Amino acid sequence: MNEETSAVKQIAVVYHSGHGRTECFAKHVVAGARNVAGAEISLLKADQLVASPARLATYDGIIWGSPTYFGGVSGPFKSFMDSTSPLFRTQELRGKLASGFTVSSYPSGDKQSTLMSMVVFSMQHGMLWVGNPPNFENNVGATTDPAVDRLGSWTGAMAQIHHKAPVDSFDKGDLETAKLFGVNFARTLHRI
């Protein structure tokens, strides 16, 4: 099925951002996904979904986003995750596509632990996980500013920004990673 002629797919990007940096990254993920015809994207704050997580059942795919705090998702994002237990019991998210991204101030910062908690969370809901495919054209093992996926994560998207930096001062490669991550998710959703 051609993605230009397939049915419209609803995607939610659910995130928490303590200081605006994860929100900035989320907006670039959304911008990338919007480049795919037939994708409609909603940007949703995790803490605003705690009272009504059932809204997620209306989406075909969901991308999770959280800063990495002390090796895991932020407290508000974890509270959101916990609020979805009624959806877990009824498996209302089963079969939906899922992925995730995280931002921290250190190049590693244990971001992989954050992504793995999102993977487990998604699996518990019966969701299908899509990773962050390597982009060999732009990044052949490079760890420099313009490199796409310069932090080398295939589980999900990762970005690094100094904790005192302006919220929009990500490395060029990290912002391009966010956009390509959104494109890949939307295209994958159309193929499934």
Protein backbone atom coordinates (compact mmCIF):
# COMPACT_ATOMS: atom_id res chain seq x y z
CA MET A 1 0.00 0.00 0.00
CA ASN A 2 1.37 3.40 -0.95
CA GLU A 3 1.64 5.73 2.05
CA GLU A 4 0.15 8.60 0.01
CA THR A 5 -3.04 6.61 -0.65
CA SER A 6 -3.43 4.75 2.63
CA ALA A 7 -5.78 5.71 5.43
CA VAL A 8 -4.88 8.55 7.77
CA LYS A 9 -2.94 7.34 10.81
CA GLN A 10 -3.29 9.05 14.17
CA ILE A 11 -0.05 9.44 16.12
CA ALA A 12 0.35 10.77 19.65
CA VAL A 13 3.66 12.07 20.96
CA VAL A 14 3.30 11.84 24.75
CA TYR A 15 6.05 13.56 26.70
CA HIS A 16 7.15 15.22 29.90
CA SER A 17 9.65 18.06 29.88
CA GLY A 18 11.01 19.47 33.10
CA HIS A 19 12.80 22.46 31.61
CA GLY A 20 11.62 22.66 27.98
CA ARG A 21 14.43 20.71 26.32
CA THR A 22 12.50 17.45 25.91
CA GLU A 23 9.53 19.46 24.64
CA CYS A 24 11.76 21.11 22.03
CA PHE A 25 13.00 17.68 20.90
CA ALA A 26 9.40 16.38 20.83
CA LYS A 27 8.39 19.22 18.52
CA HIS A 28 11.11 18.18 16.08
CA VAL A 29 9.87 14.57 16.22
CA VAL A 30 6.38 15.87 15.40
CA ALA A 31 7.76 18.00 12.54
CA GLY A 32 9.39 14.92 11.04
CA ALA A 33 6.26 12.77 11.34
CA ARG A 34 4.18 15.50 9.73
CA ASN A 35 6.35 15.18 6.61
CA VAL A 36 4.72 11.81 5.94
CA ALA A 37 1.48 12.04 4.00
CA GLY A 38 -1.51 10.61 5.84
CA ALA A 39 -0.09 11.11 9.33
CA GLU A 40 -1.91 13.28 11.84
CA ILE A 41 0.09 14.01 14.96
CA SER A 42 -0.97 15.21 18.40
CA LEU A 43 1.56 16.53 20.91
CA LEU A 44 0.34 15.60 24.40
CA LYS A 45 1.80 16.37 27.84
CA ALA A 46 2.03 13.23 29.96
CA ASP A 47 0.96 14.98 33.18
CA GLN A 48 -2.23 16.19 31.48
CA LEU A 49 -3.13 12.61 30.50
CA VAL A 50 -2.97 11.21 34.04
CA ALA A 51 -6.68 11.91 34.57
CA SER A 52 -7.73 10.53 31.17
CA PRO A 53 -5.24 7.97 29.80
CA ALA A 54 -8.08 6.24 27.90
CA ARG A 55 -7.65 8.95 25.23
CA LEU A 56 -4.62 6.97 24.03
CA ALA A 57 -6.85 4.19 22.70
CA THR A 58 -7.89 6.48 19.83
CA TYR A 59 -4.35 6.59 18.37
CA ASP A 60 -2.78 4.13 15.95
CA GLY A 61 0.73 4.78 17.24
CA ILE A 62 2.28 6.44 20.28
CA ILE A 63 5.76 7.88 20.78
CA TRP A 64 6.87 8.30 24.40
CA GLY A 65 9.26 11.08 25.40
CA SER A 66 10.91 11.78 28.75
CA PRO A 67 14.08 13.34 30.04
CA THR A 68 16.43 10.92 31.75
CA TYR A 69 16.53 11.67 35.45
CA PHE A 70 18.77 9.48 37.61
CA GLY A 71 18.83 6.69 35.03
CA GLY A 72 15.12 6.53 34.27
CA VAL A 73 12.02 8.39 33.18
CA SER A 74 11.06 11.53 35.09
CA GLY A 75 8.67 11.31 38.05
CA PRO A 76 5.78 12.95 36.15
CA PHE A 77 6.25 10.56 33.24
CA LYS A 78 6.30 7.58 35.61
CA SER A 79 3.07 8.85 37.21
CA PHE A 80 1.54 8.94 33.75
CA MET A 81 2.75 5.38 33.07
CA ASP A 82 1.16 4.23 36.34
CA SER A 83 -2.12 5.94 35.42
CA THR A 84 -2.49 3.63 32.40
CA SER A 85 -3.11 0.53 34.51
CA PRO A 86 -6.82 0.42 33.51
CA LEU A 87 -5.67 0.27 29.87
CA PHE A 88 -3.27 -2.52 30.80
CA ARG A 89 -6.06 -4.59 32.35
CA THR A 90 -8.21 -4.27 29.23
CA GLN A 91 -5.25 -4.31 26.79
CA GLU A 92 -6.72 -1.38 24.86
CA LEU A 93 -3.31 -0.47 23.45
CA ARG A 94 -2.56 -4.00 22.17
CA GLY A 95 -1.21 -4.02 18.63
CA LYS A 96 -0.55 -0.28 18.46
CA LEU A 97 2.88 0.91 17.38
CA ALA A 98 5.16 2.42 20.05
CA SER A 99 8.57 4.04 20.27
CA GLY A 100 10.38 6.48 22.51
CA PHE A 101 13.01 9.15 22.92
CA THR A 102 14.92 10.72 25.77
CA VAL A 103 17.10 13.73 26.46
CA SER A 104 19.76 14.25 29.12
CA SER A 105 22.67 16.57 29.80
CA TYR A 106 25.33 13.84 29.56
CA PRO A 107 26.25 11.94 26.37
CA SER A 108 25.27 8.67 28.06
CA GLY A 109 23.48 9.67 31.25
CA ASP A 110 21.96 6.18 31.33
CA LYS A 111 19.51 7.13 28.60
CA GLN A 112 19.38 3.47 27.53
CA SER A 113 17.76 2.64 30.89
CA THR A 114 15.07 5.22 30.18
CA LEU A 115 14.36 3.79 26.74
CA MET A 116 14.27 0.24 28.11
CA SER A 117 11.67 1.25 30.70
CA MET A 118 9.57 2.58 27.80
CA VAL A 119 10.06 -0.67 25.88
CA VAL A 120 8.93 -2.77 28.86
CA PHE A 121 5.99 -0.42 29.47
CA SER A 122 4.93 -0.77 25.82
CA MET A 123 5.34 -4.56 25.85
CA GLN A 124 3.17 -4.80 28.96
CA HIS A 125 0.47 -3.00 26.99
CA GLY A 126 0.89 -5.43 24.08
CA MET A 127 2.27 -2.73 21.80
CA LEU A 128 4.73 -3.22 18.93
CA TRP A 129 8.06 -1.39 19.35
CA VAL A 130 9.87 0.30 16.49
CA GLY A 131 13.45 1.40 17.02
CA ASN A 132 15.62 4.12 15.58
CA PRO A 133 17.25 2.69 12.44
CA PRO A 134 20.87 3.60 11.71
CA ASN A 135 21.48 6.29 9.13
CA PHE A 136 24.73 5.24 7.50
CA GLU A 137 24.60 7.95 4.82
CA ASN A 138 25.01 10.74 7.36
CA ASN A 139 26.79 9.00 10.20
CA VAL A 140 29.55 6.45 9.77
CA GLY A 141 30.50 6.08 13.40
CA ALA A 142 30.77 9.85 13.80
CA THR A 143 30.20 11.48 17.16
CA THR A 144 30.35 15.06 15.96
CA ASP A 145 27.78 17.82 15.98
CA PRO A 146 26.17 17.38 12.54
CA ALA A 147 26.01 13.58 12.74
CA VAL A 148 22.59 11.95 12.73
CA ASP A 149 22.17 9.62 15.72
CA ARG A 150 25.59 10.68 16.98
CA LEU A 151 24.87 8.95 20.31
CA GLY A 152 24.30 5.63 18.53
CA SER A 153 20.94 4.43 19.82
CA TRP A 154 18.87 1.96 17.88
CA THR A 155 16.37 1.32 20.68
CA GLY A 156 14.89 4.81 20.34
CA ALA A 157 16.07 8.36 19.80
CA MET A 158 18.52 9.99 22.17
CA ALA A 159 19.73 13.55 22.47
CA GLN A 160 22.13 15.40 24.70
CA ILE A 161 22.04 19.05 25.69
CA HIS A 162 23.81 20.83 28.55
CA HIS A 163 21.44 21.40 31.49
CA LYS A 164 22.10 25.16 31.46
CA ALA A 165 21.83 25.57 27.67
CA PRO A 166 18.88 27.34 26.05
CA VAL A 167 16.10 24.86 25.31
CA ASP A 168 16.59 25.10 21.54
CA SER A 169 20.40 24.81 21.40
CA PHE A 170 20.66 21.10 20.54
CA ASP A 171 23.40 19.96 18.20
CA LYS A 172 22.26 20.06 14.58
CA GLY A 173 22.59 16.27 14.33
CA ASP A 174 20.34 15.68 17.34
CA LEU A 175 17.56 17.80 15.82
CA GLU A 176 17.92 16.00 12.51
CA THR A 177 17.78 12.70 14.42
CA ALA A 178 14.46 13.82 15.97
CA LYS A 179 12.97 14.61 12.56
CA LEU A 180 14.16 11.38 10.94
CA PHE A 181 12.90 9.44 13.98
CA GLY A 182 9.43 10.95 13.47
CA VAL A 183 9.52 10.20 9.73
CA ASN A 184 10.56 6.59 10.35
CA PHE A 185 7.80 6.06 12.92
CA ALA A 186 5.08 7.47 10.64
CA ARG A 187 6.30 5.47 7.63
CA THR A 188 6.51 2.28 9.69
CA LEU A 189 2.97 2.84 10.96
CA HIS A 190 1.75 3.09 7.36
CA ARG A 191 3.52 -0.15 6.45
CA ILE A 192 2.00 -2.15 9.30
